[in-house]
Amino acid sequence: MKNTKNLSVLLLMLTLILTACGNSNNNSAATASPSSEPTTAATSTAETSAAPAAGVFKDGVYKAEYDRNDVRNWKAYVEVTVTGGKIEKAYYDYINEAGELRSKNEAYIKGFSEANKFTPREAFDKLGQELVTSQDAAKVDAVSGATHSSRNFNELAAAALIKAEAGDTATAIVPLYEDGTYKVAADTFDDHGWKPQIDLEIKDHKIASVQFDYVNEAGKLKTEDADYKTAMEAKNKTYPAKYTEELEKQLVEKQSIGSVDAVSGATTSSNNFKALVEYALDDLAEIGDTKPAAIKIEE
């Protein structure tokens, strides 16, 4: 009887032990299962965010150009080809009103090549290749000897790529000049004690106004010098207040310094006006630099 009771107790204990083990395993499984799903999901999210996008740009050919010719009567443009969501090639050049490309202009090629030991086409192609490599206009380095062209390329390429992101193949028109007032003067007074200067205003990306005059060391303006007016008018049939107004009016009306004609009897001043305006537009207005500038003018 005692043996039977002991056996019963032993069987009961064994049953309890097995039951406890079963519950422990079930609890472990139940605990592990919820924690494993978020881990898997988190890993998948991390992998997705780290992977590069299938294609930031939409396939197509995208063009960007400036809204006007520059001071040398060339208009820069870029064409970017996107294939498979990536920039496949980029062509860059300038074109004039006659349809001639700067990279094929013999005079420009000669001068550029002599100064830089490589051709304009080689410089432009290098910029295009860097864009293909970097896939980012902001990461394209300037080509030594072609800093201005490099700057234009970066701006136009960026505009073309904005179009590429949207898949819009309409040509992007980029304003060449930034709004602002630009002041340029000669760095020294001439042999007669005068220094030419201009204040040029760009508004809505157009030449809105320009004031041209000369100033002496005392701060007096040539257009207000009555004695100078009398002497010049008698000899040249024009005078400062007259020829400066004629030059100013031409520039605002024609919107191109290359189209401004010299005023008869004021050839030197016409040339000075042209030099000052070219610098104001080419070196200041294109980048929105409104700091006053002083330049050397050859008499």
C-alpha atoms as a PDB file:
ATOM      1  CA  MET A   1       0.000   0.000   0.000  1.00  0.00           C
ATOM      2  CA  LYS A   2       2.808   2.292   0.931  1.00  0.00           C
ATOM      3  CA  ASN A   3       4.588   1.472  -2.318  1.00  0.00           C
ATOM      4  CA  THR A   4       1.430   2.201  -4.253  1.00  0.00           C
ATOM      5  CA  LYS A   5       1.068   5.601  -2.566  1.00  0.00           C
ATOM      6  CA  ASN A   6       4.688   6.429  -3.206  1.00  0.00           C
ATOM      7  CA  LEU A   7       4.234   5.520  -6.853  1.00  0.00           C
ATOM      8  CA  SER A   8       1.159   7.735  -7.067  1.00  0.00           C
ATOM      9  CA  VAL A   9       3.053  10.646  -5.555  1.00  0.00           C
ATOM     10  CA  LEU A  10       5.924  10.087  -7.962  1.00  0.00           C
ATOM     11  CA  LEU A  11       3.579  10.061 -10.962  1.00  0.00           C
ATOM     12  CA  LEU A  12       1.889  13.249  -9.739  1.00  0.00           C
ATOM     13  CA  MET A  13       5.202  15.040  -9.355  1.00  0.00           C
ATOM     14  CA  LEU A  14       6.315  13.942 -12.815  1.00  0.00           C
ATOM     15  CA  THR A  15       3.076  15.259 -14.297  1.00  0.00           C
ATOM     16  CA  LEU A  16       3.512  18.635 -12.611  1.00  0.00           C
ATOM     17  CA  ILE A  17       7.090  18.930 -13.833  1.00  0.00           C
ATOM     18  CA  LEU A  18       6.127  18.169 -17.437  1.00  0.00           C
ATOM     19  CA  THR A  19       3.247  20.633 -17.298  1.00  0.00           C
ATOM     20  CA  ALA A  20       5.499  23.370 -15.966  1.00  0.00           C
ATOM     21  CA  CYS A  21       8.049  22.779 -18.708  1.00  0.00           C
ATOM     22  CA  GLY A  22       5.352  22.965 -21.366  1.00  0.00           C
ATOM     23  CA  ASN A  23       4.045  26.279 -20.051  1.00  0.00           C
ATOM     24  CA  SER A  24       7.559  27.712 -19.883  1.00  0.00           C
ATOM     25  CA  ASN A  25       8.201  26.900 -23.533  1.00  0.00           C
ATOM     26  CA  ASN A  26       4.879  28.372 -24.590  1.00  0.00           C
ATOM     27  CA  ASN A  27       5.552  31.578 -22.685  1.00  0.00           C
ATOM     28  CA  SER A  28       9.001  31.904 -24.249  1.00  0.00           C
ATOM     29  CA  ALA A  29       7.576  31.480 -27.726  1.00  0.00           C
ATOM     30  CA  ALA A  30       4.825  33.988 -27.054  1.00  0.00           C
ATOM     31  CA  THR A  31       7.381  36.522 -25.804  1.00  0.00           C
ATOM     32  CA  ALA A  32       9.816  36.004 -28.675  1.00  0.00           C
ATOM     33  CA  SER A  33       7.279  36.256 -31.464  1.00  0.00           C
ATOM     34  CA  PRO A  34       6.162  39.911 -31.003  1.00  0.00           C
ATOM     35  CA  SER A  35       9.742  41.111 -30.511  1.00  0.00           C
ATOM     36  CA  SER A  36      10.948  39.422 -33.689  1.00  0.00           C
ATOM     37  CA  GLU A  37       8.398  41.107 -35.997  1.00  0.00           C
ATOM     38  CA  PRO A  38       9.348  44.695 -35.165  1.00  0.00           C
ATOM     39  CA  THR A  39      13.007  43.780 -35.514  1.00  0.00           C
ATOM     40  CA  THR A  40      12.376  42.439 -39.001  1.00  0.00           C
ATOM     41  CA  ALA A  41      10.266  45.454 -39.913  1.00  0.00           C
ATOM     42  CA  ALA A  42      12.888  47.886 -38.600  1.00  0.00           C
ATOM     43  CA  THR A  43      15.593  46.164 -40.622  1.00  0.00           C
ATOM     44  CA  SER A  44      13.519  46.376 -43.789  1.00  0.00           C
ATOM     45  CA  THR A  45      12.850  50.090 -43.242  1.00  0.00           C
ATOM     46  CA  ALA A  46      16.525  50.784 -42.637  1.00  0.00           C
ATOM     47  CA  GLU A  47      17.515  48.919 -45.784  1.00  0.00           C
ATOM     48  CA  THR A  48      14.938  50.829 -47.845  1.00  0.00           C
ATOM     49  CA  SER A  49      16.015  54.253 -46.593  1.00  0.00           C
ATOM     50  CA  ALA A  50      19.693  53.497 -47.131  1.00  0.00           C
ATOM     51  CA  ALA A  51      19.211  52.218 -50.675  1.00  0.00           C
ATOM     52  CA  PRO A  52      19.550  54.816 -53.473  1.00  0.00           C
ATOM     53  CA  ALA A  53      16.367  55.941 -55.187  1.00  0.00           C
ATOM     54  CA  ALA A  54      15.485  54.122 -58.387  1.00  0.00           C
ATOM     55  CA  GLY A  55      15.778  57.408 -60.277  1.00  0.00           C
ATOM     56  CA  VAL A  56      15.568  61.003 -59.072  1.00  0.00           C
ATOM     57  CA  PHE A  57      15.225  62.303 -62.623  1.00  0.00           C
ATOM     58  CA  LYS A  58      12.673  61.370 -65.246  1.00  0.00           C
ATOM     59  CA  ASP A  59      13.975  60.208 -68.608  1.00  0.00           C
ATOM     60  CA  GLY A  60      14.158  62.810 -71.349  1.00  0.00           C
ATOM     61  CA  VAL A  61      16.205  65.682 -72.764  1.00  0.00           C
ATOM     62  CA  TYR A  62      16.130  68.868 -70.721  1.00  0.00           C
ATOM     63  CA  LYS A  63      17.386  72.270 -71.868  1.00  0.00           C
ATOM     64  CA  ALA A  64      18.134  75.475 -69.987  1.00  0.00           C
ATOM     65  CA  GLU A  65      19.276  78.797 -71.418  1.00  0.00           C
ATOM     66  CA  TYR A  66      19.617  82.408 -70.342  1.00  0.00           C
ATOM     67  CA  ASP A  67      16.933  84.945 -71.132  1.00  0.00           C
ATOM     68  CA  ARG A  68      19.314  87.158 -73.127  1.00  0.00           C
ATOM     69  CA  ASN A  69      22.710  87.359 -74.769  1.00  0.00           C
ATOM     70  CA  ASP A  70      25.668  88.369 -72.630  1.00  0.00           C
ATOM     71  CA  VAL A  71      27.825  91.473 -73.173  1.00  0.00           C
ATOM     72  CA  ARG A  72      29.683  89.693 -75.994  1.00  0.00           C
ATOM     73  CA  ASN A  73      26.367  88.779 -77.646  1.00  0.00           C
ATOM     74  CA  TRP A  74      26.527  85.068 -76.794  1.00  0.00           C
ATOM     75  CA  LYS A  75      23.779  83.099 -75.057  1.00  0.00           C
ATOM     76  CA  ALA A  76      24.822  80.114 -72.935  1.00  0.00           C
ATOM     77  CA  TYR A  77      22.706  76.942 -72.918  1.00  0.00           C
ATOM     78  CA  VAL A  78      22.891  73.367 -71.668  1.00  0.00           C
ATOM     79  CA  GLU A  79      21.151  70.156 -72.751  1.00  0.00           C
ATOM     80  CA  VAL A  80      20.981  67.303 -70.248  1.00  0.00           C
ATOM     81  CA  THR A  81      19.963  63.789 -71.304  1.00  0.00           C
ATOM     82  CA  VAL A  82      18.501  61.522 -68.617  1.00  0.00           C
ATOM     83  CA  THR A  83      18.267  57.770 -69.196  1.00  0.00           C
ATOM     84  CA  GLY A  84      17.194  55.233 -66.603  1.00  0.00           C
ATOM     85  CA  GLY A  85      16.750  58.014 -64.072  1.00  0.00           C
ATOM     86  CA  LYS A  86      20.392  59.055 -64.344  1.00  0.00           C
ATOM     87  CA  ILE A  87      22.210  61.849 -66.170  1.00  0.00           C
ATOM     88  CA  GLU A  88      23.678  60.143 -69.229  1.00  0.00           C
ATOM     89  CA  LYS A  89      25.235  63.175 -70.942  1.00  0.00           C
ATOM     90  CA  ALA A  90      25.323  66.966 -70.815  1.00  0.00           C
ATOM     91  CA  TYR A  91      26.092  69.259 -73.746  1.00  0.00           C
ATOM     92  CA  TYR A  92      27.111  72.861 -73.087  1.00  0.00           C
ATOM     93  CA  ASP A  93      27.826  75.742 -75.454  1.00  0.00           C
ATOM     94  CA  TYR A  94      27.010  79.336 -76.383  1.00  0.00           C
ATOM     95  CA  ILE A  95      25.149  80.519 -79.463  1.00  0.00           C
ATOM     96  CA  ASN A  96      24.910  83.951 -81.087  1.00  0.00           C
ATOM     97  CA  GLU A  97      22.124  85.565 -83.093  1.00  0.00           C
ATOM     98  CA  ALA A  98      23.600  84.192 -86.321  1.00  0.00           C
ATOM     99  CA  GLY A  99      23.305  80.645 -84.972  1.00  0.00           C
ATOM    100  CA  GLU A 100      27.074  80.204 -84.630  1.00  0.00           C
ATOM    101  CA  LEU A 101      28.398  78.159 -81.717  1.00  0.00           C
ATOM    102  CA  ARG A 102      31.155  79.638 -79.593  1.00  0.00           C
ATOM    103  CA  SER A 103      32.990  76.298 -79.543  1.00  0.00           C
ATOM    104  CA  LYS A 104      33.286  76.573 -83.342  1.00  0.00           C
ATOM    105  CA  ASN A 105      34.121  80.272 -83.568  1.00  0.00           C
ATOM    106  CA  GLU A 106      37.666  80.416 -84.939  1.00  0.00           C
ATOM    107  CA  ALA A 107      38.596  83.729 -83.321  1.00  0.00           C
ATOM    108  CA  TYR A 108      37.356  82.587 -79.923  1.00  0.00           C
ATOM    109  CA  ILE A 109      39.033  79.186 -80.235  1.00  0.00           C
ATOM    110  CA  LYS A 110      42.340  80.824 -81.112  1.00  0.00           C
ATOM    111  CA  GLY A 111      42.327  83.288 -78.228  1.00  0.00           C
ATOM    112  CA  PHE A 112      41.062  80.783 -75.681  1.00  0.00           C
ATOM    113  CA  SER A 113      43.462  78.033 -76.721  1.00  0.00           C
ATOM    114  CA  GLU A 114      46.494  80.318 -76.653  1.00  0.00           C
ATOM    115  CA  ALA A 115      45.633  81.438 -73.129  1.00  0.00           C
ATOM    116  CA  ASN A 116      44.666  78.058 -71.684  1.00  0.00           C
ATOM    117  CA  LYS A 117      46.393  75.375 -73.795  1.00  0.00           C
ATOM    118  CA  PHE A 118      43.063  73.633 -74.431  1.00  0.00           C
ATOM    119  CA  THR A 119      40.018  74.425 -76.553  1.00  0.00           C
ATOM    120  CA  PRO A 120      36.619  75.758 -75.486  1.00  0.00           C
ATOM    121  CA  ARG A 121      35.062  72.461 -76.575  1.00  0.00           C
ATOM    122  CA  GLU A 122      37.398  70.551 -74.271  1.00  0.00           C
ATOM    123  CA  ALA A 123      36.485  72.849 -71.376  1.00  0.00           C
ATOM    124  CA  PHE A 124      32.757  72.518 -72.032  1.00  0.00           C
ATOM    125  CA  ASP A 125      32.978  68.732 -72.378  1.00  0.00           C
ATOM    126  CA  LYS A 126      34.875  68.479 -69.101  1.00  0.00           C
ATOM    127  CA  LEU A 127      32.063  70.287 -67.320  1.00  0.00           C
ATOM    128  CA  GLY A 128      29.509  67.972 -68.915  1.00  0.00           C
ATOM    129  CA  GLN A 129      31.458  64.867 -67.940  1.00  0.00           C
ATOM    130  CA  GLU A 130      31.775  66.042 -64.339  1.00  0.00           C
ATOM    131  CA  LEU A 131      28.005  66.427 -64.183  1.00  0.00           C
ATOM    132  CA  VAL A 132      27.537  62.883 -65.462  1.00  0.00           C
ATOM    133  CA  THR A 133      29.991  61.598 -62.863  1.00  0.00           C
ATOM    134  CA  SER A 134      28.621  63.537 -59.893  1.00  0.00           C
ATOM    135  CA  GLN A 135      24.929  63.588 -60.908  1.00  0.00           C
ATOM    136  CA  ASP A 136      24.801  66.949 -59.091  1.00  0.00           C
ATOM    137  CA  ALA A 137      25.368  70.405 -60.619  1.00  0.00           C
ATOM    138  CA  ALA A 138      26.560  71.754 -57.268  1.00  0.00           C
ATOM    139  CA  LYS A 139      29.444  69.266 -57.274  1.00  0.00           C
ATOM    140  CA  VAL A 140      30.865  70.281 -60.660  1.00  0.00           C
ATOM    141  CA  ASP A 141      34.201  72.046 -60.174  1.00  0.00           C
ATOM    142  CA  ALA A 142      35.160  75.088 -62.221  1.00  0.00           C
ATOM    143  CA  VAL A 143      37.551  74.513 -65.102  1.00  0.00           C
ATOM    144  CA  SER A 144      40.714  76.568 -64.672  1.00  0.00           C
ATOM    145  CA  GLY A 145      40.789  79.244 -67.342  1.00  0.00           C
ATOM    146  CA  ALA A 146      37.029  79.017 -67.869  1.00  0.00           C
ATOM    147  CA  THR A 147      35.689  80.250 -64.540  1.00  0.00           C
ATOM    148  CA  HIS A 148      32.923  82.368 -66.037  1.00  0.00           C
ATOM    149  CA  SER A 149      31.725  79.586 -68.329  1.00  0.00           C
ATOM    150  CA  SER A 150      31.885  77.143 -65.423  1.00  0.00           C
ATOM    151  CA  ARG A 151      29.677  79.407 -63.334  1.00  0.00           C
ATOM    152  CA  ASN A 152      27.134  79.669 -66.141  1.00  0.00           C
ATOM    153  CA  PHE A 153      27.192  75.904 -66.657  1.00  0.00           C
ATOM    154  CA  ASN A 154      26.458  75.191 -62.998  1.00  0.00           C
ATOM    155  CA  GLU A 155      23.522  77.593 -62.939  1.00  0.00           C
ATOM    156  CA  LEU A 156      22.001  76.327 -66.178  1.00  0.00           C
ATOM    157  CA  ALA A 157      22.557  72.653 -65.334  1.00  0.00           C
ATOM    158  CA  ALA A 158      20.820  73.151 -61.990  1.00  0.00           C
ATOM    159  CA  ALA A 159      17.833  74.713 -63.767  1.00  0.00           C
ATOM    160  CA  ALA A 160      17.685  71.857 -66.292  1.00  0.00           C
ATOM    161  CA  LEU A 161      17.777  69.271 -63.505  1.00  0.00           C
ATOM    162  CA  ILE A 162      14.853  70.912 -61.711  1.00  0.00           C
ATOM    163  CA  LYS A 163      12.927  70.345 -64.934  1.00  0.00           C
ATOM    164  CA  ALA A 164      14.215  66.758 -65.048  1.00  0.00           C
ATOM    165  CA  GLU A 165      12.899  66.042 -61.560  1.00  0.00           C
ATOM    166  CA  ALA A 166       9.419  67.000 -62.740  1.00  0.00           C
ATOM    167  CA  GLY A 167       9.762  65.470 -66.209  1.00  0.00           C
ATOM    168  CA  ASP A 168       9.070  68.882 -67.768  1.00  0.00           C
ATOM    169  CA  THR A 169      10.854  69.093 -71.128  1.00  0.00           C
ATOM    170  CA  ALA A 170       9.996  72.760 -71.740  1.00  0.00           C
ATOM    171  CA  THR A 171      13.163  74.866 -71.926  1.00  0.00           C
ATOM    172  CA  ALA A 172      14.086  76.473 -68.613  1.00  0.00           C
ATOM    173  CA  ILE A 173      14.659  80.209 -69.073  1.00  0.00           C
ATOM    174  CA  VAL A 174      17.128  81.560 -66.523  1.00  0.00           C
ATOM    175  CA  PRO A 175      17.530  85.325 -65.909  1.00  0.00           C
ATOM    176  CA  LEU A 176      21.076  86.367 -66.758  1.00  0.00           C
ATOM    177  CA  TYR A 177      21.062  89.394 -64.449  1.00  0.00           C
ATOM    178  CA  GLU A 178      20.117  89.659 -60.783  1.00  0.00           C
ATOM    179  CA  ASP A 179      18.101  92.644 -59.599  1.00  0.00           C
ATOM    180  CA  GLY A 180      20.083  95.345 -57.824  1.00  0.00           C
ATOM    181  CA  THR A 181      22.072  98.547 -58.272  1.00  0.00           C
ATOM    182  CA  TYR A 182      25.635  98.141 -59.491  1.00  0.00           C
ATOM    183  CA  LYS A 183      28.285 100.838 -59.159  1.00  0.00           C
ATOM    184  CA  VAL A 184      31.515 100.792 -61.159  1.00  0.00           C
ATOM    185  CA  ALA A 185      34.184 103.478 -61.525  1.00  0.00           C
ATOM    186  CA  ALA A 186      37.674 103.794 -62.941  1.00  0.00           C
ATOM    187  CA  ASP A 187      40.380 103.024 -60.395  1.00  0.00           C
ATOM    188  CA  THR A 188      42.267 106.287 -61.070  1.00  0.00           C
ATOM    189  CA  PHE A 189      41.651 109.825 -62.275  1.00  0.00           C
ATOM    190  CA  ASP A 190      42.614 110.570 -65.870  1.00  0.00           C
ATOM    191  CA  ASP A 191      45.191 113.119 -67.024  1.00  0.00           C
ATOM    192  CA  HIS A 192      42.578 115.859 -66.778  1.00  0.00           C
ATOM    193  CA  GLY A 193      41.605 114.959 -63.214  1.00  0.00           C
ATOM    194  CA  TRP A 194      38.338 113.154 -63.992  1.00  0.00           C
ATOM    195  CA  LYS A 195      37.173 109.648 -63.168  1.00  0.00           C
ATOM    196  CA  PRO A 196      34.297 107.981 -65.109  1.00  0.00           C
ATOM    197  CA  GLN A 197      31.617 106.162 -63.128  1.00  0.00           C
ATOM    198  CA  ILE A 198      28.223 104.526 -63.554  1.00  0.00           C
ATOM    199  CA  ASP A 199      25.274 103.477 -61.413  1.00  0.00           C
ATOM    200  CA  LEU A 200      23.322 100.755 -63.205  1.00  0.00           C
ATOM    201  CA  GLU A 201      19.999  99.405 -61.965  1.00  0.00           C
ATOM    202  CA  ILE A 202      18.609  95.981 -62.852  1.00  0.00           C
ATOM    203  CA  LYS A 203      14.901  95.555 -62.138  1.00  0.00           C
ATOM    204  CA  ASP A 204      12.847  92.492 -63.050  1.00  0.00           C
ATOM    205  CA  HIS A 205      16.095  91.188 -64.585  1.00  0.00           C
ATOM    206  CA  LYS A 206      16.212  94.029 -67.133  1.00  0.00           C
ATOM    207  CA  ILE A 207      18.339  97.167 -67.383  1.00  0.00           C
ATOM    208  CA  ALA A 208      15.999  99.713 -65.810  1.00  0.00           C
ATOM    209  CA  SER A 209      18.300 102.735 -65.642  1.00  0.00           C
ATOM    210  CA  VAL A 210      21.907 103.875 -65.780  1.00  0.00           C
ATOM    211  CA  GLN A 211      23.628 107.080 -64.717  1.00  0.00           C
ATOM    212  CA  PHE A 212      26.950 107.906 -66.342  1.00  0.00           C
ATOM    213  CA  ASP A 213      29.193 110.778 -65.304  1.00  0.00           C
ATOM    214  CA  TYR A 214      32.712 111.840 -64.354  1.00  0.00           C
ATOM    215  CA  VAL A 215      33.819 113.053 -60.938  1.00  0.00           C
ATOM    216  CA  ASN A 216      36.949 114.977 -59.945  1.00  0.00           C
ATOM    217  CA  GLU A 217      38.931 114.816 -56.718  1.00  0.00           C
ATOM    218  CA  ALA A 218      36.837 117.627 -55.260  1.00  0.00           C
ATOM    219  CA  GLY A 219      33.692 115.554 -55.852  1.00  0.00           C
ATOM    220  CA  LYS A 220      32.359 117.775 -58.624  1.00  0.00           C
ATOM    221  CA  LEU A 221      30.505 116.148 -61.538  1.00  0.00           C
ATOM    222  CA  LYS A 222      31.535 116.865 -65.117  1.00  0.00           C
ATOM    223  CA  THR A 223      27.883 117.226 -66.210  1.00  0.00           C
ATOM    224  CA  GLU A 224      27.568 120.154 -63.782  1.00  0.00           C
ATOM    225  CA  ASP A 225      30.759 121.948 -64.870  1.00  0.00           C
ATOM    226  CA  ALA A 226      29.610 124.964 -66.911  1.00  0.00           C
ATOM    227  CA  ASP A 227      33.085 125.895 -68.136  1.00  0.00           C
ATOM    228  CA  TYR A 228      33.745 122.343 -69.351  1.00  0.00           C
ATOM    229  CA  LYS A 229      30.387 122.329 -71.159  1.00  0.00           C
ATOM    230  CA  THR A 230      31.150 125.583 -72.981  1.00  0.00           C
ATOM    231  CA  ALA A 231      34.611 124.480 -74.098  1.00  0.00           C
ATOM    232  CA  MET A 232      33.548 121.013 -75.236  1.00  0.00           C
ATOM    233  CA  GLU A 233      30.414 122.114 -77.051  1.00  0.00           C
ATOM    234  CA  ALA A 234      32.351 124.680 -79.062  1.00  0.00           C
ATOM    235  CA  LYS A 235      34.857 122.070 -80.165  1.00  0.00           C
ATOM    236  CA  ASN A 236      32.884 118.809 -80.374  1.00  0.00           C
ATOM    237  CA  LYS A 237      29.268 119.914 -80.859  1.00  0.00           C
ATOM    238  CA  THR A 238      28.286 117.969 -77.768  1.00  0.00           C
ATOM    239  CA  TYR A 239      28.821 118.193 -74.018  1.00  0.00           C
ATOM    240  CA  PRO A 240      28.769 115.867 -70.964  1.00  0.00           C
ATOM    241  CA  ALA A 241      25.119 116.227 -69.968  1.00  0.00           C
ATOM    242  CA  LYS A 242      24.074 115.604 -73.580  1.00  0.00           C
ATOM    243  CA  TYR A 243      26.268 112.652 -74.560  1.00  0.00           C
ATOM    244  CA  THR A 244      25.819 110.857 -71.228  1.00  0.00           C
ATOM    245  CA  GLU A 245      22.050 111.070 -71.637  1.00  0.00           C
ATOM    246  CA  GLU A 246      22.285 109.723 -75.195  1.00  0.00           C
ATOM    247  CA  LEU A 247      24.388 106.764 -74.081  1.00  0.00           C
ATOM    248  CA  GLU A 248      22.116 106.028 -71.117  1.00  0.00           C
ATOM    249  CA  LYS A 249      18.995 106.124 -73.278  1.00  0.00           C
ATOM    250  CA  GLN A 250      20.480 103.758 -75.855  1.00  0.00           C
ATOM    251  CA  LEU A 251      21.406 101.181 -73.239  1.00  0.00           C
ATOM    252  CA  VAL A 252      17.975 101.126 -71.610  1.00  0.00           C
ATOM    253  CA  GLU A 253      16.185 100.948 -74.960  1.00  0.00           C
ATOM    254  CA  LYS A 254      18.442  98.352 -76.583  1.00  0.00           C
ATOM    255  CA  GLN A 255      19.168  96.328 -73.415  1.00  0.00           C
ATOM    256  CA  SER A 256      22.555  95.423 -74.894  1.00  0.00           C
ATOM    257  CA  ILE A 257      25.831  97.285 -74.502  1.00  0.00           C
ATOM    258  CA  GLY A 258      27.038  95.742 -77.748  1.00  0.00           C
ATOM    259  CA  SER A 259      24.252  97.580 -79.574  1.00  0.00           C
ATOM    260  CA  VAL A 260      25.059 101.004 -78.119  1.00  0.00           C
ATOM    261  CA  ASP A 261      26.589 103.331 -80.723  1.00  0.00           C
ATOM    262  CA  ALA A 262      29.366 105.763 -79.867  1.00  0.00           C
ATOM    263  CA  VAL A 263      28.311 109.403 -79.664  1.00  0.00           C
ATOM    264  CA  SER A 264      29.997 111.617 -82.245  1.00  0.00           C
ATOM    265  CA  GLY A 265      32.409 114.003 -80.559  1.00  0.00           C
ATOM    266  CA  ALA A 266      32.572 111.849 -77.419  1.00  0.00           C
ATOM    267  CA  THR A 267      34.343 108.703 -78.586  1.00  0.00           C
ATOM    268  CA  THR A 268      36.554 108.304 -75.522  1.00  0.00           C
ATOM    269  CA  SER A 269      33.632 108.734 -73.150  1.00  0.00           C
ATOM    270  CA  SER A 270      31.573 106.289 -75.225  1.00  0.00           C
ATOM    271  CA  ASN A 271      34.346 103.722 -74.865  1.00  0.00           C
ATOM    272  CA  ASN A 272      34.597 104.384 -71.129  1.00  0.00           C
ATOM    273  CA  PHE A 273      30.846 103.965 -70.785  1.00  0.00           C
ATOM    274  CA  LYS A 274      31.018 100.652 -72.598  1.00  0.00           C
ATOM    275  CA  ALA A 275      33.861  99.359 -70.414  1.00  0.00           C
ATOM    276  CA  LEU A 276      32.084 100.285 -67.184  1.00  0.00           C
ATOM    277  CA  VAL A 277      28.752  98.792 -68.273  1.00  0.00           C
ATOM    278  CA  GLU A 278      30.363  95.582 -69.506  1.00  0.00           C
ATOM    279  CA  TYR A 279      32.000  95.061 -66.129  1.00  0.00           C
ATOM    280  CA  ALA A 280      28.829  95.928 -64.231  1.00  0.00           C
ATOM    281  CA  LEU A 281      26.807  93.405 -66.215  1.00  0.00           C
ATOM    282  CA  ASP A 282      29.344  90.653 -66.760  1.00  0.00           C
ATOM    283  CA  ASP A 283      31.088  90.583 -63.399  1.00  0.00           C
ATOM    284  CA  LEU A 284      28.529  91.992 -60.986  1.00  0.00           C
ATOM    285  CA  ALA A 285      24.933  91.717 -62.208  1.00  0.00           C
ATOM    286  CA  GLU A 286      25.326  88.102 -63.324  1.00  0.00           C
ATOM    287  CA  ILE A 287      26.036  87.073 -59.732  1.00  0.00           C
ATOM    288  CA  GLY A 288      24.168  89.811 -57.870  1.00  0.00           C
ATOM    289  CA  ASP A 289      27.309  91.397 -56.409  1.00  0.00           C
ATOM    290  CA  THR A 290      26.275  94.936 -55.441  1.00  0.00           C
ATOM    291  CA  LYS A 291      29.564  95.971 -53.842  1.00  0.00           C
ATOM    292  CA  PRO A 292      31.045  99.058 -55.593  1.00  0.00           C
ATOM    293  CA  ALA A 293      33.856  98.116 -57.974  1.00  0.00           C
ATOM    294  CA  ALA A 294      36.856  99.963 -59.393  1.00  0.00           C
ATOM    295  CA  ILE A 295      38.429  98.860 -62.664  1.00  0.00           C
ATOM    296  CA  LYS A 296      41.362  99.849 -64.811  1.00  0.00           C
ATOM    297  CA  ILE A 297      40.325 101.641 -67.991  1.00  0.00           C
ATOM    298  CA  GLU A 298      42.688 101.973 -70.909  1.00  0.00           C
ATOM    299  CA  GLU A 299      42.635 105.478 -72.386  1.00  0.00           C
END
